[in-house]
Amino acid sequence: MSPNGDKEALDGLKRRIEIELNDPVAVYYFGCKYFKGTMGLTQDSRRALELFRQAVQLGHTDAHFTIGEYYLRGNEEVGGKDMKKAKYHWEQAAIGGHASSRHNLGALERQAGNTRRSIKHFKMAAEAGYEISMDQIKKDFVAREVNLQTYREISQAHKNAEGEIKSEPRERANANRTNVFPTRFSLSK
């Protein structure tokens, strides 16, 4: 995008935040731009975190996920690593249907030795179309933690969700989506 285009887009974002009474999507998106230092903004992860917190107050599930990632990574803006707070934010996002957060909760449960609970989280995320969770369910099936019938049901639900997810408008929207933390919490230590 040209510098002039960046300015126009930034102005439009500011209007959405101010005029539309704190549009949660605009607030979150603005936070992402501060986090990455794009659209002519100086990289400022503290300002980004303020905006993510504002988006959380407005009910934005991606913002909960992102704040959870701040705590996972121990960013200085949140005072260091705090897995209880990361888990809290992922739980809030998962309640709102955020599949990556649901996956992260499964990974936390697995690390704590709660295999059954972790499978429930991975199952819900896989059924929502989250590929990484489906991969984990496959591994659990091979390890005999998941039986054949359950594996087939989850696999079918995953395929159905993938079919629902793949649409031209959704693909365009996802192409414009900003991921602050593109990697996900995993089972590797």
Protein backbone atom coordinates (compact mmCIF):
# COMPACT_ATOMS: atom_id res chain seq x y z
CA MET A 1 0.00 0.00 0.00
CA SER A 2 1.27 3.49 -0.81
CA PRO A 3 1.98 5.98 1.98
CA ASN A 4 -1.07 7.93 0.82
CA GLY A 5 -3.16 4.74 0.87
CA ASP A 6 -1.86 3.91 4.35
CA LYS A 7 -2.92 7.33 5.60
CA GLU A 8 -6.39 6.96 4.09
CA ALA A 9 -6.80 3.48 5.58
CA LEU A 10 -5.54 4.72 8.96
CA ASP A 11 -7.95 7.64 8.89
CA GLY A 12 -10.80 5.28 8.05
CA LEU A 13 -9.84 3.04 10.97
CA LYS A 14 -9.75 5.99 13.37
CA ARG A 15 -13.21 7.05 12.19
CA ARG A 16 -14.55 3.54 12.80
CA ILE A 17 -13.17 3.62 16.33
CA GLU A 18 -14.39 7.14 17.15
CA ILE A 19 -17.66 7.40 15.22
CA GLU A 20 -18.93 3.86 15.53
CA LEU A 21 -18.56 3.88 19.29
CA ASN A 22 -15.49 1.74 19.59
CA ASP A 23 -15.98 -0.83 16.86
CA PRO A 24 -14.23 -3.89 18.38
CA VAL A 25 -12.91 -5.10 15.03
CA ALA A 26 -11.39 -1.70 14.25
CA VAL A 27 -9.88 -1.41 17.74
CA TYR A 28 -8.30 -4.88 17.43
CA TYR A 29 -7.07 -4.22 13.90
CA PHE A 30 -5.58 -0.89 14.99
CA GLY A 31 -3.79 -2.73 17.82
CA CYS A 32 -2.37 -5.20 15.30
CA LYS A 33 -1.03 -2.34 13.21
CA TYR A 34 0.68 -0.80 16.26
CA PHE A 35 2.09 -4.19 17.22
CA LYS A 36 3.67 -4.70 13.82
CA GLY A 37 4.44 -1.04 13.09
CA THR A 38 2.57 -0.98 9.78
CA MET A 39 0.36 1.57 7.99
CA GLY A 40 2.79 4.33 8.89
CA LEU A 41 2.51 3.69 12.64
CA THR A 42 5.58 3.30 14.81
CA GLN A 43 5.85 -0.20 16.31
CA ASP A 44 4.52 0.12 19.86
CA SER A 45 3.54 -3.10 21.61
CA ARG A 46 2.42 -1.23 24.75
CA ARG A 47 -0.09 0.81 22.75
CA ALA A 48 -1.10 -2.37 20.93
CA LEU A 49 -1.79 -4.09 24.25
CA GLU A 50 -3.94 -1.14 25.38
CA LEU A 51 -5.98 -1.48 22.22
CA PHE A 52 -6.25 -5.27 22.60
CA ARG A 53 -7.52 -4.77 26.16
CA GLN A 54 -10.05 -2.24 24.88
CA ALA A 55 -11.16 -4.74 22.22
CA VAL A 56 -11.55 -7.39 24.95
CA GLN A 57 -13.85 -5.03 26.84
CA LEU A 58 -15.88 -4.76 23.64
CA GLY A 59 -16.11 -8.57 23.36
CA HIS A 60 -13.55 -9.32 20.65
CA THR A 61 -12.41 -12.97 20.95
CA ASP A 62 -9.22 -12.55 18.87
CA ALA A 63 -8.13 -9.89 21.35
CA HIS A 64 -8.50 -12.38 24.23
CA PHE A 65 -6.42 -14.87 22.28
CA THR A 66 -3.74 -12.27 21.54
CA ILE A 67 -3.48 -11.14 25.17
CA GLY A 68 -3.15 -14.80 26.14
CA GLU A 69 -0.22 -15.00 23.73
CA TYR A 70 1.39 -11.95 25.39
CA TYR A 71 1.25 -13.83 28.71
CA LEU A 72 2.49 -17.09 27.16
CA ARG A 73 5.51 -15.37 25.65
CA GLY A 74 6.22 -13.34 28.77
CA ASN A 75 6.13 -9.98 27.03
CA GLU A 76 7.39 -7.25 29.32
CA GLU A 77 4.20 -5.24 28.69
CA VAL A 78 2.26 -7.74 30.82
CA GLY A 79 4.97 -8.18 33.44
CA GLY A 80 6.37 -11.49 32.21
CA LYS A 81 5.11 -15.00 31.63
CA ASP A 82 1.90 -15.89 33.46
CA MET A 83 0.23 -19.11 32.35
CA LYS A 84 -2.81 -18.60 34.61
CA LYS A 85 -3.60 -15.33 32.86
CA ALA A 86 -2.86 -16.82 29.45
CA LYS A 87 -5.26 -19.65 30.23
CA TYR A 88 -7.93 -17.21 31.43
CA HIS A 89 -7.81 -15.25 28.17
CA TRP A 90 -7.83 -18.42 26.07
CA GLU A 91 -10.82 -19.70 28.03
CA GLN A 92 -12.71 -16.47 27.33
CA ALA A 93 -11.84 -16.64 23.64
CA ALA A 94 -12.75 -20.34 23.47
CA ILE A 95 -16.16 -19.60 24.98
CA GLY A 96 -16.59 -17.18 22.08
CA GLY A 97 -15.76 -19.94 19.59
CA HIS A 98 -12.07 -19.19 19.01
CA ALA A 99 -10.61 -22.51 17.82
CA SER A 100 -6.92 -21.60 18.29
CA SER A 101 -7.63 -20.76 21.93
CA ARG A 102 -9.48 -24.04 22.35
CA HIS A 103 -6.44 -25.82 20.91
CA ASN A 104 -4.13 -23.99 23.32
CA LEU A 105 -6.29 -25.10 26.25
CA GLY A 106 -5.95 -28.67 25.01
CA ALA A 107 -2.17 -28.29 24.88
CA LEU A 108 -2.14 -26.94 28.45
CA GLU A 109 -4.25 -29.85 29.67
CA ARG A 110 -1.98 -32.34 27.90
CA GLN A 111 1.11 -30.80 29.48
CA ALA A 112 -0.60 -31.09 32.87
CA GLY A 113 -1.18 -34.81 32.22
CA ASN A 114 -4.94 -34.47 31.68
CA THR A 115 -5.18 -36.47 28.46
CA ARG A 116 -8.99 -36.90 28.50
CA ARG A 117 -9.59 -33.18 29.04
CA SER A 118 -7.04 -32.28 26.37
CA ILE A 119 -8.80 -34.54 23.86
CA LYS A 120 -12.11 -32.77 24.57
CA HIS A 121 -10.50 -29.42 23.73
CA PHE A 122 -8.76 -30.77 20.62
CA LYS A 123 -12.04 -32.39 19.54
CA MET A 124 -13.95 -29.09 19.77
CA ALA A 125 -11.23 -27.19 17.89
CA ALA A 126 -10.97 -29.89 15.20
CA GLU A 127 -14.74 -29.92 14.78
CA ALA A 128 -14.54 -26.15 14.24
CA GLY A 129 -12.12 -26.81 11.37
CA TYR A 130 -8.84 -26.17 13.18
CA GLU A 131 -6.25 -28.28 11.33
CA ILE A 132 -3.60 -28.44 14.08
CA SER A 133 -6.13 -29.94 16.49
CA MET A 134 -7.20 -32.47 13.87
CA ASP A 135 -3.54 -33.46 13.51
CA GLN A 136 -3.40 -33.98 17.29
CA ILE A 137 -6.56 -36.10 17.21
CA LYS A 138 -4.91 -38.27 14.51
CA LYS A 139 -1.87 -38.72 16.76
CA ASP A 140 -4.15 -39.59 19.67
CA PHE A 141 -5.95 -42.14 17.51
CA VAL A 142 -2.64 -43.79 16.55
CA ALA A 143 -1.66 -43.78 20.24
CA ARG A 144 -5.06 -45.40 21.04
CA GLU A 145 -6.20 -42.45 23.15
CA VAL A 146 -9.15 -41.95 20.76
CA ASN A 147 -11.24 -44.88 19.50
CA LEU A 148 -12.11 -45.46 15.84
CA GLN A 149 -15.73 -44.33 16.10
CA THR A 150 -14.80 -41.09 17.86
CA TYR A 151 -12.00 -40.48 15.36
CA ARG A 152 -14.40 -40.93 12.44
CA GLU A 153 -16.98 -38.59 13.99
CA ILE A 154 -14.39 -35.88 14.65
CA SER A 155 -12.87 -36.34 11.19
CA GLN A 156 -16.28 -35.98 9.52
CA ALA A 157 -17.14 -32.89 11.58
CA HIS A 158 -13.73 -31.41 10.70
CA LYS A 159 -14.33 -32.01 6.98
CA ASN A 160 -17.79 -30.46 7.24
CA ALA A 161 -16.35 -27.40 9.00
CA GLU A 162 -13.64 -27.07 6.36
CA GLY A 163 -16.33 -27.09 3.69
CA GLU A 164 -18.27 -24.38 5.51
CA ILE A 165 -15.13 -22.33 6.05
CA LYS A 166 -14.09 -22.37 2.40
CA SER A 167 -16.04 -19.70 0.62
CA GLU A 168 -14.85 -16.89 -1.60
CA PRO A 169 -15.95 -14.06 0.75
CA ARG A 170 -14.40 -15.81 3.75
CA GLU A 171 -11.14 -16.40 1.87
CA ARG A 172 -10.97 -12.68 0.99
CA ALA A 173 -11.67 -11.72 4.60
CA ASN A 174 -9.00 -14.10 5.90
CA ALA A 175 -6.48 -12.73 3.41
CA ASN A 176 -6.96 -9.32 5.04
CA ARG A 177 -6.93 -10.67 8.59
CA THR A 178 -4.04 -9.66 10.79
CA ASN A 179 -2.42 -12.25 13.04
CA VAL A 180 -0.23 -10.71 15.67
CA PHE A 181 1.03 -14.08 16.86
CA PRO A 182 0.75 -16.43 13.88
CA THR A 183 2.18 -19.46 15.68
CA ARG A 184 0.18 -21.42 18.19
CA PHE A 185 1.06 -22.88 21.56
CA SER A 186 2.11 -26.46 20.96
CA LEU A 187 2.81 -29.64 22.84
CA SER A 188 6.54 -29.47 22.20
CA LYS A 189 8.57 -28.31 25.16
